[in-house]
Amino acid sequence: MLLRLPSRARRLAPALLVATALAAVPALAQPVHQDGQAAHAAHAAHANTVPAAAQRWATDAPLRAGMRQLREAAMLLEHYEMGHLDDTQRDNAVASIDAAVSNMVANCKLKPDADAALHGLLVKFIGAANAARAGKLAKTDVQAMSDALAQYPALFIDPDWGRDTD
């Protein structure tokens, strides 16, 4: 017997897969001998880690490229939310967010604390992409992405971040 999911669950399934993957990455980095509960506790501790103002985490090329891709997609979704773009352009921005997040998860090589901080930013883009995909993008979703973009240079060392917006 096949389980038939409600339409809302079918629409959220891709986002849940990405969110599950994001949550699993730090847990997978834990030593094999830790049980599931200990690994979860370790991830929860990392999730709230923020470096001191003078101490930010290093970035790698996939992270820097992904954040630029997210910034471009966020700008597009902001224009969409204001009514300046059509649904095809919205869908392209959502696909760009999905691709950037997937690429960063697959290719970024960060320390566990930095990885957890990055996931805290990515979840805001995933949430906005899901809202846009469902046709329910709101100003709060756009603001969440804007907040994440503002947090990025406070958390990570990316020397060209402010200079490459032209």
C-alpha atoms as a PDB file:
ATOM      1  CA  MET A   1       0.000   0.000   0.000  1.00  0.00           C
ATOM      2  CA  LEU A   2       1.426   3.396  -1.018  1.00  0.00           C
ATOM      3  CA  LEU A   3       1.265   6.306   1.366  1.00  0.00           C
ATOM      4  CA  ARG A   4      -0.354   9.319  -0.255  1.00  0.00           C
ATOM      5  CA  LEU A   5       0.950  12.613   1.147  1.00  0.00           C
ATOM      6  CA  PRO A   6      -1.258  15.710   1.307  1.00  0.00           C
ATOM      7  CA  SER A   7      -0.398  18.346  -1.298  1.00  0.00           C
ATOM      8  CA  ARG A   8       1.215  20.619   1.324  1.00  0.00           C
ATOM      9  CA  ALA A   9       3.532  17.798   2.390  1.00  0.00           C
ATOM     10  CA  ARG A  10       4.443  17.082  -1.261  1.00  0.00           C
ATOM     11  CA  ARG A  11       5.334  20.763  -1.778  1.00  0.00           C
ATOM     12  CA  LEU A  12       7.471  20.842   1.367  1.00  0.00           C
ATOM     13  CA  ALA A  13       9.228  17.524   0.708  1.00  0.00           C
ATOM     14  CA  PRO A  14      12.199  19.032  -1.236  1.00  0.00           C
ATOM     15  CA  ALA A  15      12.775  21.602   1.489  1.00  0.00           C
ATOM     16  CA  LEU A  16      12.583  18.961   4.190  1.00  0.00           C
ATOM     17  CA  LEU A  17      15.201  16.914   2.360  1.00  0.00           C
ATOM     18  CA  VAL A  18      17.561  19.899   2.198  1.00  0.00           C
ATOM     19  CA  ALA A  19      16.893  20.814   5.833  1.00  0.00           C
ATOM     20  CA  THR A  20      17.523  17.215   6.872  1.00  0.00           C
ATOM     21  CA  ALA A  21      20.753  17.197   4.894  1.00  0.00           C
ATOM     22  CA  LEU A  22      21.852  20.456   6.522  1.00  0.00           C
ATOM     23  CA  ALA A  23      21.084  19.103   9.970  1.00  0.00           C
ATOM     24  CA  ALA A  24      22.862  15.831   9.247  1.00  0.00           C
ATOM     25  CA  VAL A  25      26.168  17.284   8.021  1.00  0.00           C
ATOM     26  CA  PRO A  26      27.497  18.375  11.456  1.00  0.00           C
ATOM     27  CA  ALA A  27      26.188  15.187  13.049  1.00  0.00           C
ATOM     28  CA  LEU A  28      28.037  13.106  10.459  1.00  0.00           C
ATOM     29  CA  ALA A  29      31.249  14.878  11.388  1.00  0.00           C
ATOM     30  CA  GLN A  30      30.998  13.550  14.964  1.00  0.00           C
ATOM     31  CA  PRO A  31      33.113  10.527  15.915  1.00  0.00           C
ATOM     32  CA  VAL A  32      31.503   7.212  15.088  1.00  0.00           C
ATOM     33  CA  HIS A  33      31.564   6.014  18.719  1.00  0.00           C
ATOM     34  CA  GLN A  34      29.150   8.749  19.887  1.00  0.00           C
ATOM     35  CA  ASP A  35      25.550   7.674  20.186  1.00  0.00           C
ATOM     36  CA  GLY A  36      22.811   9.651  18.412  1.00  0.00           C
ATOM     37  CA  GLN A  37      21.829  11.632  21.499  1.00  0.00           C
ATOM     38  CA  ALA A  38      25.379  12.770  22.198  1.00  0.00           C
ATOM     39  CA  ALA A  39      25.881  13.744  18.555  1.00  0.00           C
ATOM     40  CA  HIS A  40      22.664  15.765  18.627  1.00  0.00           C
ATOM     41  CA  ALA A  41      23.738  17.539  21.815  1.00  0.00           C
ATOM     42  CA  ALA A  42      27.102  18.366  20.267  1.00  0.00           C
ATOM     43  CA  HIS A  43      25.414  19.832  17.177  1.00  0.00           C
ATOM     44  CA  ALA A  44      23.020  21.894  19.313  1.00  0.00           C
ATOM     45  CA  ALA A  45      25.987  23.365  21.168  1.00  0.00           C
ATOM     46  CA  HIS A  46      27.666  24.352  17.889  1.00  0.00           C
ATOM     47  CA  ALA A  47      24.497  25.868  16.435  1.00  0.00           C
ATOM     48  CA  ASN A  48      24.590  28.790  18.854  1.00  0.00           C
ATOM     49  CA  THR A  49      28.320  29.449  18.574  1.00  0.00           C
ATOM     50  CA  VAL A  50      29.261  32.946  17.459  1.00  0.00           C
ATOM     51  CA  PRO A  51      32.883  34.081  17.218  1.00  0.00           C
ATOM     52  CA  ALA A  52      34.161  37.085  19.100  1.00  0.00           C
ATOM     53  CA  ALA A  53      33.968  40.329  17.119  1.00  0.00           C
ATOM     54  CA  ALA A  54      37.665  40.218  16.232  1.00  0.00           C
ATOM     55  CA  GLN A  55      37.588  36.474  15.561  1.00  0.00           C
ATOM     56  CA  ARG A  56      35.724  35.405  12.452  1.00  0.00           C
ATOM     57  CA  TRP A  57      35.853  32.082  10.653  1.00  0.00           C
ATOM     58  CA  ALA A  58      37.821  31.472   7.489  1.00  0.00           C
ATOM     59  CA  THR A  59      35.969  30.853   4.244  1.00  0.00           C
ATOM     60  CA  ASP A  60      36.693  28.618   1.309  1.00  0.00           C
ATOM     61  CA  ALA A  61      35.949  29.182  -2.378  1.00  0.00           C
ATOM     62  CA  PRO A  62      32.645  27.213  -2.415  1.00  0.00           C
ATOM     63  CA  LEU A  63      31.349  29.235   0.540  1.00  0.00           C
ATOM     64  CA  ARG A  64      32.288  32.570  -1.005  1.00  0.00           C
ATOM     65  CA  ALA A  65      30.783  31.655  -4.384  1.00  0.00           C
ATOM     66  CA  GLY A  66      27.642  30.260  -2.780  1.00  0.00           C
ATOM     67  CA  MET A  67      27.058  33.356  -0.680  1.00  0.00           C
ATOM     68  CA  ARG A  68      27.357  35.553  -3.760  1.00  0.00           C
ATOM     69  CA  GLN A  69      24.853  33.353  -5.554  1.00  0.00           C
ATOM     70  CA  LEU A  70      22.511  33.590  -2.549  1.00  0.00           C
ATOM     71  CA  ARG A  71      22.880  37.375  -2.499  1.00  0.00           C
ATOM     72  CA  GLU A  72      21.890  37.621  -6.172  1.00  0.00           C
ATOM     73  CA  ALA A  73      18.912  35.298  -5.679  1.00  0.00           C
ATOM     74  CA  ALA A  74      17.809  37.219  -2.579  1.00  0.00           C
ATOM     75  CA  MET A  75      17.856  40.468  -4.561  1.00  0.00           C
ATOM     76  CA  LEU A  76      15.681  38.848  -7.219  1.00  0.00           C
ATOM     77  CA  LEU A  77      13.198  37.555  -4.661  1.00  0.00           C
ATOM     78  CA  GLU A  78      13.052  41.008  -3.095  1.00  0.00           C
ATOM     79  CA  HIS A  79      12.086  42.424  -6.489  1.00  0.00           C
ATOM     80  CA  TYR A  80       9.574  39.605  -6.959  1.00  0.00           C
ATOM     81  CA  GLU A  81       7.986  40.329  -3.564  1.00  0.00           C
ATOM     82  CA  MET A  82       7.556  43.975  -4.651  1.00  0.00           C
ATOM     83  CA  GLY A  83       5.777  42.806  -7.804  1.00  0.00           C
ATOM     84  CA  HIS A  84       8.589  43.659 -10.231  1.00  0.00           C
ATOM     85  CA  LEU A  85       9.291  40.119 -11.500  1.00  0.00           C
ATOM     86  CA  ASP A  86       7.170  37.308 -12.885  1.00  0.00           C
ATOM     87  CA  ASP A  87       6.770  33.748 -11.607  1.00  0.00           C
ATOM     88  CA  THR A  88       9.393  32.377 -14.002  1.00  0.00           C
ATOM     89  CA  GLN A  89      11.975  34.789 -12.619  1.00  0.00           C
ATOM     90  CA  ARG A  90      10.893  33.830  -9.093  1.00  0.00           C
ATOM     91  CA  ASP A  91      11.336  30.149  -9.935  1.00  0.00           C
ATOM     92  CA  ASN A  92      14.807  30.853 -11.345  1.00  0.00           C
ATOM     93  CA  ALA A  93      15.777  32.631  -8.110  1.00  0.00           C
ATOM     94  CA  VAL A  94      14.468  29.701  -6.053  1.00  0.00           C
ATOM     95  CA  ALA A  95      16.432  27.253  -8.220  1.00  0.00           C
ATOM     96  CA  SER A  96      19.531  29.402  -7.688  1.00  0.00           C
ATOM     97  CA  ILE A  97      19.060  29.255  -3.907  1.00  0.00           C
ATOM     98  CA  ASP A  98      18.586  25.481  -4.045  1.00  0.00           C
ATOM     99  CA  ALA A  99      21.744  25.082  -6.154  1.00  0.00           C
ATOM    100  CA  ALA A 100      23.844  27.380  -3.951  1.00  0.00           C
ATOM    101  CA  VAL A 101      22.786  25.639  -0.742  1.00  0.00           C
ATOM    102  CA  SER A 102      23.357  22.171  -2.220  1.00  0.00           C
ATOM    103  CA  ASN A 103      26.780  23.159  -3.535  1.00  0.00           C
ATOM    104  CA  MET A 104      27.866  24.671  -0.231  1.00  0.00           C
ATOM    105  CA  VAL A 105      26.678  21.655   1.753  1.00  0.00           C
ATOM    106  CA  ALA A 106      28.494  19.293  -0.615  1.00  0.00           C
ATOM    107  CA  ASN A 107      31.732  21.267  -1.034  1.00  0.00           C
ATOM    108  CA  CYS A 108      32.425  23.598   1.901  1.00  0.00           C
ATOM    109  CA  LYS A 109      35.161  22.342   4.192  1.00  0.00           C
ATOM    110  CA  LEU A 110      34.591  24.259   7.412  1.00  0.00           C
ATOM    111  CA  LYS A 111      35.331  23.617  11.063  1.00  0.00           C
ATOM    112  CA  PRO A 112      32.269  22.367  13.001  1.00  0.00           C
ATOM    113  CA  ASP A 113      31.518  25.722  14.672  1.00  0.00           C
ATOM    114  CA  ALA A 114      31.795  27.608  11.390  1.00  0.00           C
ATOM    115  CA  ASP A 115      29.696  24.951   9.645  1.00  0.00           C
ATOM    116  CA  ALA A 116      26.960  25.296  12.274  1.00  0.00           C
ATOM    117  CA  ALA A 117      27.002  29.097  11.913  1.00  0.00           C
ATOM    118  CA  LEU A 118      26.713  28.754   8.146  1.00  0.00           C
ATOM    119  CA  HIS A 119      23.732  26.432   8.526  1.00  0.00           C
ATOM    120  CA  GLY A 120      22.085  29.070  10.709  1.00  0.00           C
ATOM    121  CA  LEU A 121      22.336  31.468   7.768  1.00  0.00           C
ATOM    122  CA  LEU A 122      21.326  28.953   5.099  1.00  0.00           C
ATOM    123  CA  VAL A 123      18.109  28.023   6.845  1.00  0.00           C
ATOM    124  CA  LYS A 124      16.859  31.580   6.238  1.00  0.00           C
ATOM    125  CA  PHE A 125      17.391  31.212   2.491  1.00  0.00           C
ATOM    126  CA  ILE A 126      15.781  27.786   2.478  1.00  0.00           C
ATOM    127  CA  GLY A 127      12.748  29.181   4.294  1.00  0.00           C
ATOM    128  CA  ALA A 128      12.371  32.042   1.831  1.00  0.00           C
ATOM    129  CA  ALA A 129      12.812  29.693  -1.146  1.00  0.00           C
ATOM    130  CA  ASN A 130      10.110  27.417   0.249  1.00  0.00           C
ATOM    131  CA  ALA A 131       7.762  30.345   0.774  1.00  0.00           C
ATOM    132  CA  ALA A 132       8.399  31.565  -2.777  1.00  0.00           C
ATOM    133  CA  ARG A 133       7.945  28.067  -4.163  1.00  0.00           C
ATOM    134  CA  ALA A 134       4.567  27.899  -2.404  1.00  0.00           C
ATOM    135  CA  GLY A 135       3.597  31.332  -3.730  1.00  0.00           C
ATOM    136  CA  LYS A 136       3.650  32.796  -0.216  1.00  0.00           C
ATOM    137  CA  LEU A 137       6.810  34.900  -0.168  1.00  0.00           C
ATOM    138  CA  ALA A 138       6.393  37.769   2.311  1.00  0.00           C
ATOM    139  CA  LYS A 139       8.425  40.758   3.447  1.00  0.00           C
ATOM    140  CA  THR A 140       9.477  38.753   6.517  1.00  0.00           C
ATOM    141  CA  ASP A 141      11.081  36.131   4.267  1.00  0.00           C
ATOM    142  CA  VAL A 142      12.941  38.804   2.302  1.00  0.00           C
ATOM    143  CA  GLN A 143      14.047  40.428   5.561  1.00  0.00           C
ATOM    144  CA  ALA A 144      15.314  37.088   6.901  1.00  0.00           C
ATOM    145  CA  MET A 145      17.543  36.712   3.832  1.00  0.00           C
ATOM    146  CA  SER A 146      18.729  40.306   4.174  1.00  0.00           C
ATOM    147  CA  ASP A 147      19.560  39.675   7.840  1.00  0.00           C
ATOM    148  CA  ALA A 148      21.521  36.539   6.918  1.00  0.00           C
ATOM    149  CA  LEU A 149      23.470  38.460   4.282  1.00  0.00           C
ATOM    150  CA  ALA A 150      24.261  41.155   6.856  1.00  0.00           C
ATOM    151  CA  GLN A 151      25.401  38.521   9.376  1.00  0.00           C
ATOM    152  CA  TYR A 152      27.701  36.747   6.923  1.00  0.00           C
ATOM    153  CA  PRO A 153      30.618  39.258   7.036  1.00  0.00           C
ATOM    154  CA  ALA A 154      30.305  39.465  10.816  1.00  0.00           C
ATOM    155  CA  LEU A 155      30.760  35.696  11.089  1.00  0.00           C
ATOM    156  CA  PHE A 156      33.126  34.924   8.200  1.00  0.00           C
ATOM    157  CA  ILE A 157      36.268  36.415   6.692  1.00  0.00           C
ATOM    158  CA  ASP A 158      35.494  37.280   3.078  1.00  0.00           C
ATOM    159  CA  PRO A 159      37.740  40.192   2.052  1.00  0.00           C
ATOM    160  CA  ASP A 160      35.882  40.919  -1.185  1.00  0.00           C
ATOM    161  CA  TRP A 161      32.331  40.741   0.208  1.00  0.00           C
ATOM    162  CA  GLY A 162      31.773  44.504   0.420  1.00  0.00           C
ATOM    163  CA  ARG A 163      33.752  45.318  -2.688  1.00  0.00           C
ATOM    164  CA  ASP A 164      32.069  42.920  -5.087  1.00  0.00           C
ATOM    165  CA  THR A 165      28.548  44.375  -4.968  1.00  0.00           C
ATOM    166  CA  ASP A 166      29.027  46.721  -7.929  1.00  0.00           C
END
